[in-house]
Amino acid sequence: MTAPIVVIGAGQAAASFISRHVALGNENPVLLIGEEPHPPYQRPPLSKKYLLGELERERLFIRPLQWYAEQNVALRLDTRVATIEPDNKRVVTKNGEAIAYDKLLLCTGSSARKLPDDVGGSLAGIFTLRSIADIDTISAEFKAGRKLLIIGGGYIGLEAAAVGRQLGLEVTLLEMADRILQRVAAATTSEYFRNLHLQHGVSLHESTAMTRLLDDDGKVCGVELESGDVIDADLVLVGIGGSPNTELALSAGLDCDNGIRVNETCQTSNTDIYAAGDCCSFKRNGQSIRLESVQNAADQGDLVARVLAGEALIYTALPWFWSDQYDCKLQIVGLNHGHNQTIVRPGATDSSLSTWYYRDDQLLAIDAINEPKSYAFGRKIIEAGKNPTQQQVADPATDLKALALGK
């Protein structure tokens, strides 16, 4: 009997691989091994509608459980892989079961970075937002009137702040950098969201570092800042980024560097092992990058299925992202790495605008805030490799649709 294609990890990349594998009519059996007790599910709604209580758990599932059985896809959930043995082409689970594979796909994702123990990182009442279990635990703590402290002013922290305020919590957010979103967005985008959160009652502290979390009989009760000031808290949410889960890959001897290194077909340094999603690093425009996004995970999973089916493809997908905060939608297309100029284009309303990132005369990326048309046409412009002048972009009278269609 032919050994199956084994997929380790049950996130978006795994789901996308399986969906494409089935759609292509590939008869090679697939076995998915996931640490959580759930089939693959959507992650973005976790810090938004699921935390708000507006989305039932089953609606997070990318496919209903019975679909996998109907498609001859075996699920081994609530199961952890202990080791990969490339020479024997098998994986061994933590309970000692050895499973042979024909090809192996690593979709191990990333883990939330945590605060070190010496500043109180192991106290009770400290949470991260990465899984259904995380949300189920923290949602019981999100009660009106309680004091929520968020450490980290990235998208996860800001989305959680919005949910906290919508549920009636007192929210304080600390960001060590000069401004929120400093690592990922221009000052214009940061300023927009700073003002948005201030308007909704978030106490926002930028250029603010903590010394330690305060301990009340083993439970966090606040934070001491470098300034000596103390902020009380009933619960703390840590949103300081994620680290790729590379432990299995490293133990199997695969090349890793801020993720599992893959080539343009998502193949690792072992010809029978592939990787997709948050766990892997790859080359884009000559630079090694790692992306934590639904788009990247879905597109890479899809690509691997096509490659294993014999299609001659390489990964060239254009990155895109989004964030929902209150009634505001941010849509991002492209990567702004290496930009040296930004152009702000006025939006259709007072609450909308877009920021266009350039490296000299080359358009790299766009942040569109409540500007779906700027996002949609800007995406077409970047996909087509066009570079409208900065004067054109800055002029609200410029017809973006005409630019996108080349008129």
Protein backbone atom coordinates (compact mmCIF):
# COMPACT_ATOMS: atom_id res chain seq x y z
CA MET A 1 0.00 0.00 0.00
CA THR A 2 1.29 3.48 -0.90
CA ALA A 3 2.35 5.53 2.10
CA PRO A 4 0.22 8.67 2.51
CA ILE A 5 1.15 12.29 2.12
CA VAL A 6 1.43 13.29 5.76
CA VAL A 7 0.57 16.84 6.79
CA ILE A 8 1.73 18.04 10.20
CA GLY A 9 -0.32 20.97 11.45
CA ALA A 10 -3.99 21.81 11.10
CA GLY A 11 -4.06 25.47 10.08
CA GLN A 12 -4.89 27.42 6.94
CA ALA A 13 -1.96 26.07 4.92
CA ALA A 14 -2.94 22.47 5.66
CA ALA A 15 -6.58 23.12 4.81
CA SER A 16 -5.64 24.80 1.54
CA PHE A 17 -3.34 21.93 0.57
CA ILE A 18 -6.03 19.34 1.25
CA SER A 19 -8.74 21.29 -0.59
CA ARG A 20 -6.59 21.63 -3.72
CA HIS A 21 -5.38 18.01 -3.48
CA VAL A 22 -8.99 16.84 -3.46
CA ALA A 23 -10.06 19.26 -6.21
CA LEU A 24 -7.29 17.97 -8.48
CA GLY A 25 -8.55 14.43 -8.04
CA ASN A 26 -5.24 13.28 -6.64
CA GLU A 27 -5.77 9.74 -5.37
CA ASN A 28 -2.73 9.67 -3.08
CA PRO A 29 -4.04 9.23 0.47
CA VAL A 30 -3.57 12.10 2.92
CA LEU A 31 -3.14 11.93 6.68
CA LEU A 32 -3.34 15.16 8.67
CA ILE A 33 -1.87 15.24 12.16
CA GLY A 34 -2.88 18.14 14.39
CA GLU A 35 -2.06 18.95 18.02
CA GLU A 36 -5.41 20.56 18.70
CA PRO A 37 -8.67 18.59 18.99
CA HIS A 38 -10.21 20.61 16.13
CA PRO A 39 -10.06 20.23 12.35
CA PRO A 40 -8.40 23.12 10.47
CA TYR A 41 -10.03 26.43 11.33
CA GLN A 42 -9.83 30.13 10.53
CA ARG A 43 -7.54 32.17 12.78
CA PRO A 44 -8.39 35.83 11.93
CA PRO A 45 -11.89 35.76 13.50
CA LEU A 46 -10.42 34.56 16.80
CA SER A 47 -9.39 38.06 17.93
CA LYS A 48 -12.50 39.63 16.42
CA LYS A 49 -15.94 38.03 16.09
CA TYR A 50 -15.16 34.85 18.05
CA LEU A 51 -13.79 36.80 21.01
CA LEU A 52 -16.82 39.11 20.79
CA GLY A 53 -19.09 36.07 20.99
CA GLU A 54 -20.59 36.79 17.57
CA LEU A 55 -19.36 33.61 15.87
CA GLU A 56 -20.01 30.02 16.87
CA ARG A 57 -17.04 27.66 17.06
CA GLU A 58 -18.25 25.39 14.25
CA ARG A 59 -18.33 28.35 11.88
CA LEU A 60 -14.59 28.74 12.38
CA PHE A 61 -13.98 25.33 10.82
CA ILE A 62 -12.79 25.65 7.22
CA ARG A 63 -14.49 22.38 6.35
CA PRO A 64 -17.00 20.40 8.44
CA LEU A 65 -15.52 17.36 10.12
CA GLN A 66 -17.43 14.85 7.98
CA TRP A 67 -16.03 16.35 4.76
CA TYR A 68 -12.59 14.88 5.43
CA ALA A 69 -13.93 11.35 5.78
CA GLU A 70 -15.97 11.77 2.60
CA GLN A 71 -12.80 12.81 0.73
CA ASN A 72 -10.69 9.95 2.11
CA VAL A 73 -8.57 12.33 4.20
CA ALA A 74 -7.61 10.81 7.54
CA LEU A 75 -7.44 13.11 10.57
CA ARG A 76 -5.29 12.37 13.57
CA LEU A 77 -6.25 15.19 15.92
CA ASP A 78 -5.12 15.90 19.47
CA THR A 79 -1.86 14.23 18.45
CA ARG A 80 1.66 15.58 18.71
CA VAL A 81 4.54 14.52 16.48
CA ALA A 82 7.71 13.94 18.50
CA THR A 83 10.24 13.38 15.73
CA ILE A 84 10.70 13.19 11.98
CA GLU A 85 12.99 10.47 10.61
CA PRO A 86 13.84 11.56 7.04
CA ASP A 87 16.09 8.56 6.36
CA ASN A 88 13.22 6.20 7.19
CA LYS A 89 10.57 8.50 5.70
CA ARG A 90 8.41 8.34 8.77
CA VAL A 91 7.20 10.47 11.66
CA VAL A 92 6.87 9.27 15.23
CA THR A 93 4.13 10.61 17.47
CA LYS A 94 4.60 11.40 21.13
CA ASN A 95 2.84 8.16 22.08
CA GLY A 96 5.39 6.18 20.04
CA GLU A 97 3.37 5.46 16.91
CA ALA A 98 5.49 5.41 13.72
CA ILE A 99 3.76 6.65 10.57
CA ALA A 100 5.36 6.25 7.13
CA TYR A 101 5.02 9.00 4.55
CA ASP A 102 5.51 9.32 0.81
CA LYS A 103 5.80 13.11 1.00
CA LEU A 104 5.68 15.24 4.14
CA LEU A 105 4.21 18.75 4.44
CA LEU A 106 5.07 20.83 7.50
CA CYS A 107 2.38 23.37 8.39
CA THR A 108 3.49 23.85 11.97
CA GLY A 109 2.72 27.56 12.12
CA SER A 110 4.07 29.91 14.73
CA SER A 111 3.73 30.40 18.47
CA ALA A 112 3.04 33.60 20.36
CA ARG A 113 6.09 35.13 21.98
CA LYS A 114 5.80 35.28 25.75
CA LEU A 115 7.29 37.55 28.37
CA PRO A 116 10.21 36.05 30.31
CA ASP A 117 9.67 34.65 33.78
CA ASP A 118 11.99 37.18 35.38
CA VAL A 119 9.53 39.99 34.60
CA GLY A 120 6.50 37.99 35.70
CA GLY A 121 5.67 36.27 32.44
CA SER A 122 4.50 33.06 34.13
CA LEU A 123 1.96 34.68 36.45
CA ALA A 124 -1.68 33.65 36.24
CA GLY A 125 -3.93 36.03 34.35
CA ILE A 126 -1.58 36.51 31.37
CA PHE A 127 -2.92 35.48 27.97
CA THR A 128 -2.08 35.26 24.26
CA LEU A 129 -4.43 34.98 21.26
CA ARG A 130 -3.42 32.17 18.93
CA SER A 131 -5.92 29.33 19.24
CA ILE A 132 -9.52 28.44 20.03
CA ALA A 133 -8.35 27.33 23.47
CA ASP A 134 -6.75 30.74 24.05
CA ILE A 135 -9.99 32.55 23.22
CA ASP A 136 -12.17 30.16 25.20
CA THR A 137 -9.97 30.82 28.23
CA ILE A 138 -9.71 34.59 27.91
CA SER A 139 -13.34 35.22 26.89
CA ALA A 140 -14.49 34.31 30.39
CA GLU A 141 -12.23 37.10 31.67
CA PHE A 142 -13.47 39.75 29.22
CA LYS A 143 -16.16 41.28 31.42
CA ALA A 144 -17.35 44.86 31.46
CA GLY A 145 -15.58 47.05 33.99
CA ARG A 146 -12.47 44.90 34.29
CA LYS A 147 -9.05 46.38 33.61
CA LEU A 148 -7.31 44.90 30.55
CA LEU A 149 -3.64 45.64 29.97
CA ILE A 150 -2.30 44.91 26.47
CA ILE A 151 1.43 44.72 25.87
CA GLY A 152 2.28 45.31 22.22
CA GLY A 153 0.84 47.73 19.68
CA GLY A 154 0.70 45.46 16.63
CA TYR A 155 -2.44 44.29 14.87
CA ILE A 156 -3.29 41.57 17.41
CA GLY A 157 -2.99 43.97 20.31
CA LEU A 158 -5.04 46.65 18.58
CA GLU A 159 -7.77 44.22 17.53
CA ALA A 160 -7.99 42.92 21.09
CA ALA A 161 -8.16 46.50 22.39
CA ALA A 162 -11.11 47.17 20.09
CA VAL A 163 -12.92 44.06 21.28
CA GLY A 164 -12.18 44.93 24.91
CA ARG A 165 -13.70 48.37 24.54
CA GLN A 166 -16.72 47.00 22.70
CA LEU A 167 -17.30 44.66 25.63
CA GLY A 168 -16.95 47.45 28.16
CA LEU A 169 -13.50 46.78 29.60
CA GLU A 170 -11.09 49.51 30.66
CA VAL A 171 -8.22 49.06 28.21
CA THR A 172 -4.62 50.21 28.53
CA LEU A 173 -2.14 49.47 25.75
CA LEU A 174 1.65 49.72 26.08
CA GLU A 175 3.98 50.00 23.09
CA MET A 176 7.73 50.18 23.63
CA ALA A 177 8.43 51.67 20.17
CA ASP A 178 7.88 55.32 19.30
CA ARG A 179 4.50 54.51 17.77
CA ILE A 180 2.07 51.66 17.36
CA LEU A 181 2.50 49.61 14.17
CA GLN A 182 5.98 51.08 13.74
CA ARG A 183 7.44 47.83 12.40
CA VAL A 184 4.79 47.28 9.77
CA ALA A 185 3.22 50.58 8.74
CA ALA A 186 3.91 54.21 7.91
CA ALA A 187 3.38 56.99 10.43
CA THR A 188 0.13 57.97 8.67
CA THR A 189 -1.42 54.56 9.35
CA SER A 190 -0.13 54.57 12.93
CA GLU A 191 -1.59 58.02 13.56
CA TYR A 192 -4.97 57.00 12.15
CA PHE A 193 -5.27 54.01 14.46
CA ARG A 194 -3.84 55.88 17.45
CA ASN A 195 -6.61 58.47 17.10
CA LEU A 196 -9.22 55.77 16.49
CA HIS A 197 -8.39 53.97 19.72
CA LEU A 198 -8.13 57.18 21.72
CA GLN A 199 -11.59 58.16 20.49
CA HIS A 200 -12.91 54.82 21.76
CA GLY A 201 -11.41 55.32 25.21
CA VAL A 202 -8.24 53.24 25.07
CA SER A 203 -5.43 54.54 27.28
CA LEU A 204 -2.53 54.30 24.84
CA HIS A 205 1.11 54.64 25.91
CA GLU A 206 3.80 54.74 23.21
CA SER A 207 7.56 54.91 23.87
CA THR A 208 6.75 53.11 27.11
CA ALA A 209 8.70 50.18 28.50
CA MET A 210 7.75 48.00 31.44
CA THR A 211 10.05 46.85 34.22
CA ARG A 212 7.96 44.00 35.57
CA LEU A 213 4.47 42.68 36.02
CA LEU A 214 3.15 42.91 39.56
CA ASP A 215 2.25 39.81 41.54
CA ASP A 216 -0.71 39.35 43.87
CA ASP A 217 -0.39 35.85 45.31
CA GLY A 218 0.65 34.35 41.96
CA LYS A 219 -1.77 36.36 39.82
CA VAL A 220 -0.92 39.43 37.80
CA CYS A 221 -2.36 42.63 39.24
CA GLY A 222 -0.60 45.34 37.27
CA VAL A 223 2.60 46.55 35.68
CA GLU A 224 5.48 48.71 36.80
CA LEU A 225 6.87 50.98 34.10
CA GLU A 226 10.47 52.09 33.68
CA SER A 227 9.32 55.52 34.78
CA GLY A 228 8.31 54.02 38.12
CA ASP A 229 4.61 54.49 37.47
CA VAL A 230 2.24 51.61 38.18
CA ILE A 231 -0.82 50.64 36.13
CA ASP A 232 -3.37 48.30 37.70
CA ALA A 233 -4.71 45.36 35.71
CA ASP A 234 -7.10 42.47 36.18
CA LEU A 235 -5.73 40.61 33.17
CA VAL A 236 -2.87 41.02 30.71
CA LEU A 237 -2.80 40.21 27.01
CA VAL A 238 0.63 39.82 25.39
CA GLY A 239 0.80 40.64 21.69
CA ILE A 240 4.49 40.93 20.87
CA GLY A 241 4.67 38.81 17.75
CA GLY A 242 5.24 35.17 16.97
CA SER A 243 8.10 32.73 16.50
CA PRO A 244 8.08 30.01 13.82
CA ASN A 245 7.63 26.47 15.07
CA THR A 246 10.81 24.91 13.69
CA GLU A 247 11.66 22.39 16.40
CA LEU A 248 10.64 19.34 14.36
CA ALA A 249 12.40 20.65 11.27
CA LEU A 250 15.62 21.36 13.15
CA SER A 251 15.63 17.94 14.77
CA ALA A 252 15.20 16.41 11.29
CA GLY A 253 18.23 18.30 10.01
CA LEU A 254 16.33 20.70 7.74
CA ASP A 255 17.81 24.11 6.97
CA CYS A 256 16.17 26.83 9.09
CA ASP A 257 16.63 30.59 9.38
CA ASN A 258 13.75 32.51 10.99
CA GLY A 259 11.61 29.66 9.74
CA ILE A 260 12.02 26.49 7.72
CA ARG A 261 13.88 27.42 4.56
CA VAL A 262 12.00 26.57 1.37
CA ASN A 263 12.66 27.15 -2.32
CA GLU A 264 10.28 28.63 -4.88
CA THR A 265 8.16 25.43 -4.81
CA CYS A 266 8.00 25.34 -0.98
CA GLN A 267 10.39 22.38 -0.92
CA THR A 268 12.76 22.19 2.06
CA SER A 269 16.38 21.05 2.03
CA ASN A 270 15.00 17.50 1.96
CA THR A 271 13.45 16.66 -1.41
CA ASP A 272 10.55 14.71 0.15
CA ILE A 273 9.61 17.38 2.69
CA TYR A 274 7.75 20.62 2.01
CA ALA A 275 6.68 23.47 4.29
CA ALA A 276 3.98 26.13 4.00
CA GLY A 277 2.58 29.01 6.00
CA ASP A 278 3.81 30.87 9.06
CA CYS A 279 6.54 28.31 9.80
CA CYS A 280 8.62 28.82 6.65
CA SER A 281 10.98 31.42 5.24
CA PHE A 282 11.44 32.01 1.53
CA LYS A 283 13.06 34.39 -0.92
CA ARG A 284 11.16 37.35 -2.31
CA ASN A 285 12.95 39.92 -4.45
CA GLY A 286 16.26 38.46 -3.28
CA GLN A 287 15.41 38.84 0.40
CA SER A 288 14.57 36.09 2.89
CA ILE A 289 11.20 36.77 4.50
CA ARG A 290 8.61 35.03 6.64
CA LEU A 291 4.95 36.05 6.51
CA GLU A 292 2.24 35.41 9.05
CA SER A 293 -0.88 35.82 6.96
CA VAL A 294 -3.86 33.84 5.77
CA GLN A 295 -3.04 34.68 2.15
CA ASN A 296 0.49 33.36 2.36
CA ALA A 297 -0.53 30.17 4.14
CA ALA A 298 -3.40 29.47 1.77
CA ASP A 299 -1.42 30.19 -1.39
CA GLN A 300 1.59 28.15 -0.32
CA GLY A 301 -0.57 25.19 0.71
CA ASP A 302 -2.36 25.36 -2.62
CA LEU A 303 0.96 25.53 -4.48
CA VAL A 304 2.35 22.42 -2.78
CA ALA A 305 -0.73 20.42 -3.78
CA ARG A 306 -0.27 21.49 -7.39
CA VAL A 307 3.46 20.78 -7.36
CA LEU A 308 2.93 17.29 -5.93
CA ALA A 309 0.34 16.71 -8.65
CA GLY A 310 3.03 17.41 -11.25
CA GLU A 311 2.41 21.05 -12.14
CA ALA A 312 5.48 23.17 -12.86
CA LEU A 313 4.82 26.19 -10.66
CA ILE A 314 6.74 28.57 -8.44
CA TYR A 315 5.48 30.79 -5.63
CA THR A 316 4.92 34.37 -6.83
CA ALA A 317 1.68 35.33 -5.06
CA LEU A 318 1.23 38.98 -4.11
CA PRO A 319 0.91 39.33 -0.32
CA TRP A 320 -2.21 40.90 1.16
CA PHE A 321 -3.52 41.36 4.69
CA TRP A 322 -6.39 42.96 6.56
CA SER A 323 -7.40 44.11 10.03
CA ASP A 324 -10.83 44.96 11.46
CA GLN A 325 -10.98 47.37 14.40
CA TYR A 326 -14.31 48.78 15.57
CA ASP A 327 -16.12 49.74 12.35
CA CYS A 328 -12.85 50.35 10.50
CA LYS A 329 -11.29 48.06 7.90
CA LEU A 330 -7.62 48.23 6.98
CA GLN A 331 -6.61 46.40 3.78
CA ILE A 332 -2.96 46.02 2.81
CA VAL A 333 -1.51 44.78 -0.45
CA GLY A 334 2.17 44.26 -1.18
CA LEU A 335 5.17 44.50 1.14
CA ASN A 336 6.52 47.90 2.12
CA HIS A 337 10.02 46.58 2.95
CA GLY A 338 12.65 49.00 1.67
CA HIS A 339 10.32 51.88 0.91
CA ASN A 340 11.81 55.38 1.08
CA GLN A 341 8.75 57.47 0.28
CA THR A 342 5.06 57.41 1.18
CA ILE A 343 2.20 59.21 -0.54
CA VAL A 344 -1.11 59.79 1.24
CA ARG A 345 -4.17 59.75 -1.00
CA PRO A 346 -7.33 61.33 0.43
CA GLY A 347 -10.25 58.97 0.77
CA ALA A 348 -13.85 59.22 -0.31
CA THR A 349 -14.91 60.17 3.24
CA ASP A 350 -13.39 61.92 6.24
CA SER A 351 -12.69 58.51 7.83
CA SER A 352 -10.89 57.02 4.85
CA LEU A 353 -7.48 57.35 3.22
CA SER A 354 -4.76 55.26 1.63
CA THR A 355 -0.98 55.31 1.98
CA TRP A 356 1.10 54.30 -1.02
CA TYR A 357 4.65 53.06 -0.43
CA TYR A 358 7.38 53.72 -2.99
CA ARG A 359 11.03 52.79 -3.36
CA ASP A 360 12.08 55.70 -5.56
CA ASP A 361 9.65 55.40 -8.48
CA GLN A 362 8.57 51.79 -7.80
CA LEU A 363 5.22 51.19 -6.11
CA LEU A 364 5.63 48.52 -3.43
CA ALA A 365 2.53 48.42 -1.26
CA ILE A 366 -0.69 50.16 -0.21
CA ASP A 367 -2.47 50.61 3.11
CA ALA A 368 -6.16 51.33 2.42
CA ILE A 369 -8.28 52.43 5.38
CA ASN A 370 -12.02 52.26 4.68
CA GLU A 371 -11.03 52.56 1.01
CA PRO A 372 -12.05 49.34 -0.78
CA LYS A 373 -11.75 50.90 -4.23
CA SER A 374 -8.21 52.16 -3.58
CA TYR A 375 -7.32 48.68 -2.35
CA ALA A 376 -8.94 46.85 -5.26
CA PHE A 377 -7.55 49.05 -8.03
CA GLY A 378 -4.22 49.49 -6.25
CA ARG A 379 -3.89 45.72 -6.08
CA LYS A 380 -4.48 45.44 -9.82
CA ILE A 381 -1.89 48.16 -10.44
CA ILE A 382 0.76 46.34 -8.39
CA GLU A 383 -0.11 42.95 -9.89
CA ALA A 384 0.35 44.43 -13.36
CA GLY A 385 3.76 45.82 -12.40
CA LYS A 386 2.66 49.39 -13.09
CA ASN A 387 4.16 52.39 -11.33
CA PRO A 388 1.91 55.43 -11.39
CA THR A 389 3.69 58.66 -10.54
CA GLN A 390 3.45 59.93 -7.01
CA GLN A 391 1.75 63.04 -8.33
CA GLN A 392 -0.96 60.91 -9.92
CA VAL A 393 -1.56 58.97 -6.70
CA ALA A 394 -1.66 62.07 -4.51
CA ASP A 395 -4.27 63.75 -6.73
CA PRO A 396 -7.78 62.67 -5.60
CA ALA A 397 -9.04 63.46 -9.10
CA THR A 398 -6.89 60.69 -10.60
CA ASP A 399 -9.02 57.77 -11.78
CA LEU A 400 -7.45 54.68 -10.19
CA LYS A 401 -9.63 52.40 -12.29
CA ALA A 402 -8.22 53.93 -15.44
CA LEU A 403 -4.67 53.49 -14.11
CA ALA A 404 -5.39 49.86 -13.26
CA LEU A 405 -6.84 49.15 -16.71
CA GLY A 406 -4.08 51.04 -18.46
CA LYS A 407 -6.32 53.72 -19.92
